[in-house]
Amino acid sequence: MQWEKLVEREGDFLKNHLLYENFEANFPKIFQTNHANFLTVRKGNTFIHYWDNDDKLALSRFIKEQLDKNPDFMKNNVEIGKKHFRNLIAFCEGLGDLQNKSNEELGKLVQEYFRLYKEPYPHFNLTVFSDELEKEGNTEIINLMADWRLFARDHFNKTHKLVNPLFEKIAKRLSLSVDEVKFLKPQEIVDYLSIKAKIRNRHNCYFMFNEGKFELKENESYVIEEFFSNEVKGRGTFSAKYSGGQW
């Protein structure tokens, strides 16, 4: 791989992680092809994005092929991306009063936020892969991609401001600062918020070892009808009432 520097910026770990989750899952689901090889190196709150020069050209050719098949390919992606931003911002604007939300409720809210946050990404990711379009001088599509890139950045920034009260509440519950919370992976945030619920669910659970493997079922009961006589008798024992036992 030939790494070429794309950009150096300040930003949080959490957003980088969401971007890479999108590379792995959202992008190929939408376009049936992988995103170009990508590298992000972090130092504190500063990061540098690099891309693989050969792979970025391959993705640029993919975009041109899609435009050759459907001249509205990029226009359609912009419209879909804008729809996802409307949904994301509507969610953030509708968070309401978080004061009385339980940790589990906060976890569900932030999990939904993460899901919605990643949805515009695949359509936004296309905007930097314009090499083939520049070769043929397709200024109409290049300008459309540039306008869409600015729109997306503005709306991501708007989202970050709108969702901040949710992260402030989560940080308070976890006894962390907002900056510290944003050094956690998305799933770690959800997991930490659900710790008390996990403990509560394990008050009623069962373990089973079966055919070489064990499983734990939480917040569930396993009912067994036990057929024991009222007295336990045997060689070398004395009569006793059965009352259960444990290892």
Protein backbone atom coordinates (compact mmCIF):
# COMPACT_ATOMS: atom_id res chain seq x y z
CA MET A 1 0.00 0.00 0.00
CA GLN A 2 1.14 3.52 -0.79
CA TRP A 3 -0.18 5.84 1.89
CA GLU A 4 -0.88 9.39 0.79
CA LYS A 5 -1.79 12.08 3.32
CA LEU A 6 -5.35 13.30 2.89
CA VAL A 7 -5.94 15.72 5.77
CA GLU A 8 -4.84 16.62 9.31
CA ARG A 9 -7.49 17.77 11.76
CA GLU A 10 -8.56 17.91 15.39
CA GLY A 11 -11.41 15.65 16.38
CA ASP A 12 -12.47 12.99 18.83
CA PHE A 13 -11.70 9.28 18.82
CA LEU A 14 -15.40 8.39 18.88
CA LYS A 15 -16.12 9.99 15.50
CA ASN A 16 -13.12 8.22 13.97
CA HIS A 17 -14.45 4.91 15.26
CA LEU A 18 -17.91 5.57 13.81
CA LEU A 19 -16.30 6.41 10.46
CA TYR A 20 -14.45 3.09 10.43
CA GLU A 21 -17.56 1.14 11.50
CA ASN A 22 -19.20 2.69 8.45
CA PHE A 23 -16.29 1.64 6.20
CA GLU A 24 -16.70 -1.95 7.37
CA ALA A 25 -20.49 -2.27 7.37
CA ASN A 26 -22.49 0.63 5.93
CA PHE A 27 -20.45 1.44 2.82
CA PRO A 28 -20.29 -2.09 1.34
CA LYS A 29 -23.95 -2.66 2.17
CA ILE A 30 -24.95 0.39 0.10
CA PHE A 31 -22.56 0.06 -2.83
CA GLN A 32 -21.71 -3.68 -2.90
CA THR A 33 -18.02 -2.79 -2.95
CA ASN A 34 -15.45 -2.04 -0.27
CA HIS A 35 -14.32 1.44 0.65
CA ALA A 36 -10.77 2.28 -0.36
CA ASN A 37 -8.02 1.28 2.09
CA PHE A 38 -7.71 4.00 4.70
CA LEU A 39 -5.45 4.82 7.65
CA THR A 40 -5.96 7.23 10.55
CA VAL A 41 -3.13 8.04 12.96
CA ARG A 42 -4.02 9.83 16.20
CA LYS A 43 -2.00 11.83 18.73
CA GLY A 44 -4.22 13.15 21.51
CA ASN A 45 -7.05 15.05 19.82
CA THR A 46 -5.22 15.44 16.51
CA PHE A 47 -5.51 12.90 13.71
CA ILE A 48 -4.20 12.47 10.18
CA HIS A 49 -6.16 10.61 7.50
CA TYR A 50 -4.22 8.72 4.84
CA TRP A 51 -5.53 6.81 1.87
CA ASP A 52 -4.02 4.14 -0.35
CA ASN A 53 -3.18 5.84 -3.65
CA ASP A 54 -3.94 2.81 -5.85
CA ASP A 55 -7.12 1.93 -4.00
CA LYS A 56 -8.51 5.48 -4.12
CA LEU A 57 -8.11 5.45 -7.92
CA ALA A 58 -10.01 2.16 -8.07
CA LEU A 59 -12.90 3.66 -6.11
CA SER A 60 -12.83 6.74 -8.34
CA ARG A 61 -13.19 4.44 -11.36
CA PHE A 62 -16.08 2.68 -9.62
CA ILE A 63 -17.89 6.02 -9.24
CA LYS A 64 -17.33 6.86 -12.92
CA GLU A 65 -18.69 3.43 -13.92
CA GLN A 66 -21.82 4.04 -11.85
CA LEU A 67 -22.28 7.44 -13.49
CA ASP A 68 -21.87 5.88 -16.94
CA LYS A 69 -24.67 3.44 -16.08
CA ASN A 70 -26.84 6.06 -14.39
CA PRO A 71 -26.09 9.79 -14.89
CA ASP A 72 -28.17 10.53 -11.76
CA PHE A 73 -26.03 8.28 -9.56
CA MET A 74 -24.38 11.13 -7.64
CA LYS A 75 -27.52 13.25 -7.54
CA ASN A 76 -29.45 10.32 -6.05
CA ASN A 77 -26.77 9.76 -3.42
CA VAL A 78 -26.90 13.42 -2.42
CA GLU A 79 -30.68 13.22 -2.00
CA ILE A 80 -30.43 10.03 0.08
CA GLY A 81 -27.66 11.53 2.21
CA LYS A 82 -29.69 14.68 2.88
CA LYS A 83 -32.66 12.54 3.92
CA HIS A 84 -30.45 10.72 6.44
CA PHE A 85 -29.26 14.06 7.83
CA ARG A 86 -32.86 15.20 8.29
CA ASN A 87 -33.57 12.04 10.28
CA LEU A 88 -30.40 12.47 12.35
CA ILE A 89 -31.07 16.11 13.20
CA ALA A 90 -34.74 15.43 13.96
CA PHE A 91 -33.64 12.74 16.42
CA CYS A 92 -31.17 15.09 18.13
CA GLU A 93 -33.73 17.90 18.31
CA GLY A 94 -36.24 15.51 19.87
CA LEU A 95 -34.07 14.27 22.73
CA GLY A 96 -36.07 16.33 25.22
CA ASP A 97 -35.50 16.30 28.97
CA LEU A 98 -32.80 13.78 29.85
CA GLN A 99 -32.78 14.45 33.59
CA ASN A 100 -34.99 11.53 34.61
CA LYS A 101 -33.77 9.02 32.04
CA SER A 102 -32.33 5.82 33.44
CA ASN A 103 -28.88 4.66 32.39
CA GLU A 104 -30.50 1.99 30.24
CA GLU A 105 -32.65 4.62 28.51
CA LEU A 106 -29.61 6.81 27.89
CA GLY A 107 -27.84 3.78 26.44
CA LYS A 108 -30.70 3.15 24.00
CA LEU A 109 -30.72 6.81 22.96
CA VAL A 110 -27.00 6.97 22.29
CA GLN A 111 -27.10 3.63 20.47
CA GLU A 112 -29.80 5.01 18.15
CA TYR A 113 -27.75 8.17 17.68
CA PHE A 114 -24.74 6.09 16.61
CA ARG A 115 -26.90 4.18 14.11
CA LEU A 116 -28.36 7.35 12.59
CA TYR A 117 -24.97 9.10 12.59
CA LYS A 118 -23.45 6.45 10.33
CA GLU A 119 -26.25 6.44 7.75
CA PRO A 120 -25.17 9.54 5.75
CA TYR A 121 -21.53 8.45 5.77
CA PRO A 122 -21.42 6.16 2.69
CA HIS A 123 -22.96 8.85 0.50
CA PHE A 124 -20.63 11.49 2.00
CA ASN A 125 -17.56 9.26 1.56
CA LEU A 126 -17.91 9.40 -2.22
CA THR A 127 -17.15 13.11 -2.38
CA VAL A 128 -13.34 12.86 -2.19
CA PHE A 129 -12.92 10.25 -4.95
CA SER A 130 -13.10 12.50 -7.99
CA ASP A 131 -9.84 11.66 -9.84
CA GLU A 132 -11.51 10.02 -12.85
CA LEU A 133 -14.09 12.80 -13.11
CA GLU A 134 -11.34 15.41 -13.07
CA LYS A 135 -9.55 13.59 -15.91
CA GLU A 136 -12.58 13.92 -18.15
CA GLY A 137 -13.41 17.44 -16.94
CA ASN A 138 -16.84 16.59 -15.55
CA THR A 139 -17.19 19.88 -13.66
CA GLU A 140 -20.94 19.48 -13.11
CA ILE A 141 -20.54 16.34 -10.98
CA ILE A 142 -17.34 17.62 -9.34
CA ASN A 143 -19.15 20.79 -8.23
CA LEU A 144 -22.12 18.72 -7.02
CA MET A 145 -19.75 16.58 -4.93
CA ALA A 146 -18.04 19.67 -3.50
CA ASP A 147 -21.36 21.29 -2.54
CA TRP A 148 -22.56 18.04 -0.97
CA ARG A 149 -19.31 17.72 0.99
CA LEU A 150 -19.78 21.22 2.48
CA PHE A 151 -23.45 20.51 3.23
CA ALA A 152 -22.55 17.26 5.01
CA ARG A 153 -19.81 18.84 7.12
CA ASP A 154 -22.12 21.68 8.18
CA HIS A 155 -24.83 19.21 9.18
CA PHE A 156 -22.42 16.92 11.04
CA ASN A 157 -21.27 19.99 13.00
CA LYS A 158 -24.88 20.95 13.72
CA THR A 159 -25.52 17.41 14.93
CA HIS A 160 -22.53 17.54 17.31
CA LYS A 161 -23.94 20.65 18.99
CA LEU A 162 -27.48 19.29 19.23
CA VAL A 163 -26.41 15.96 20.76
CA ASN A 164 -24.02 17.49 23.29
CA PRO A 165 -26.60 17.45 26.17
CA LEU A 166 -26.87 13.67 25.76
CA PHE A 167 -23.10 13.25 26.07
CA GLU A 168 -23.00 15.63 29.04
CA LYS A 169 -25.62 13.51 30.82
CA ILE A 170 -23.80 10.27 29.98
CA ALA A 171 -20.49 11.72 31.17
CA LYS A 172 -22.07 12.70 34.48
CA ARG A 173 -23.54 9.22 34.99
CA LEU A 174 -20.18 7.59 34.25
CA SER A 175 -18.24 10.12 36.38
CA LEU A 176 -16.19 11.15 33.36
CA SER A 177 -15.73 14.32 31.34
CA VAL A 178 -17.34 14.58 27.91
CA ASP A 179 -13.86 14.50 26.36
CA GLU A 180 -13.10 11.27 28.22
CA VAL A 181 -16.37 9.67 27.09
CA LYS A 182 -15.40 10.43 23.50
CA PHE A 183 -12.27 8.31 23.89
CA LEU A 184 -14.54 5.28 24.34
CA LYS A 185 -15.77 3.03 21.54
CA PRO A 186 -19.51 3.35 20.78
CA GLN A 187 -20.31 -0.09 22.18
CA GLU A 188 -18.25 0.56 25.32
CA ILE A 189 -20.44 3.58 26.12
CA VAL A 190 -23.58 1.48 25.74
CA ASP A 191 -22.07 -1.34 27.81
CA TYR A 192 -20.96 0.92 30.67
CA LEU A 193 -24.44 2.43 30.89
CA SER A 194 -25.96 -1.04 31.15
CA ILE A 195 -23.75 -2.37 33.97
CA LYS A 196 -26.41 -1.95 36.69
CA ALA A 197 -29.00 -3.66 34.50
CA LYS A 198 -26.59 -6.54 33.91
CA ILE A 199 -26.12 -6.98 37.66
CA ARG A 200 -29.87 -6.87 38.20
CA ASN A 201 -30.48 -9.47 35.48
CA ARG A 202 -27.93 -11.82 37.03
CA HIS A 203 -29.93 -12.07 40.24
CA ASN A 204 -32.14 -14.47 38.30
CA CYS A 205 -30.09 -16.60 35.93
CA TYR A 206 -28.76 -20.06 35.26
CA PHE A 207 -25.57 -21.66 33.96
CA MET A 208 -25.64 -24.81 31.86
CA PHE A 209 -22.75 -26.96 30.69
CA ASN A 210 -23.88 -29.17 27.83
CA GLU A 211 -21.89 -31.21 25.30
CA GLY A 212 -18.59 -29.51 26.04
CA LYS A 213 -19.83 -25.91 26.15
CA PHE A 214 -21.34 -23.69 28.79
CA GLU A 215 -23.89 -20.94 28.43
CA LEU A 216 -25.25 -18.32 30.78
CA LYS A 217 -28.89 -17.23 30.55
CA GLU A 218 -29.58 -13.97 32.35
CA ASN A 219 -32.93 -12.83 33.73
CA GLU A 220 -34.29 -16.31 33.07
CA SER A 221 -35.28 -19.31 35.16
CA TYR A 222 -34.79 -22.98 34.46
CA VAL A 223 -37.51 -24.95 36.19
CA ILE A 224 -36.85 -28.57 37.11
CA GLU A 225 -39.39 -30.85 38.71
CA GLU A 226 -37.35 -32.77 41.25
CA PHE A 227 -38.51 -36.23 42.21
CA PHE A 228 -37.00 -37.01 45.58
CA SER A 229 -38.41 -39.01 48.42
CA ASN A 230 -39.03 -37.19 51.68
CA GLU A 231 -36.14 -39.04 53.29
CA VAL A 232 -32.63 -39.62 52.06
CA LYS A 233 -31.39 -43.10 52.93
CA GLY A 234 -28.32 -45.03 52.01
CA ARG A 235 -25.52 -47.24 53.22
CA GLY A 236 -23.53 -45.55 55.94
CA THR A 237 -26.00 -42.68 56.28
CA PHE A 238 -28.65 -41.65 58.67
CA SER A 239 -32.16 -40.65 57.72
CA ALA A 240 -32.48 -36.98 56.83
CA LYS A 241 -35.00 -34.66 55.29
CA TYR A 242 -34.03 -33.42 51.81
CA SER A 243 -33.76 -29.66 51.71
CA GLY A 244 -31.57 -29.08 48.66
CA GLY A 245 -27.88 -28.50 48.42
CA GLN A 246 -25.10 -26.85 46.50
CA TRP A 247 -21.55 -27.47 45.41
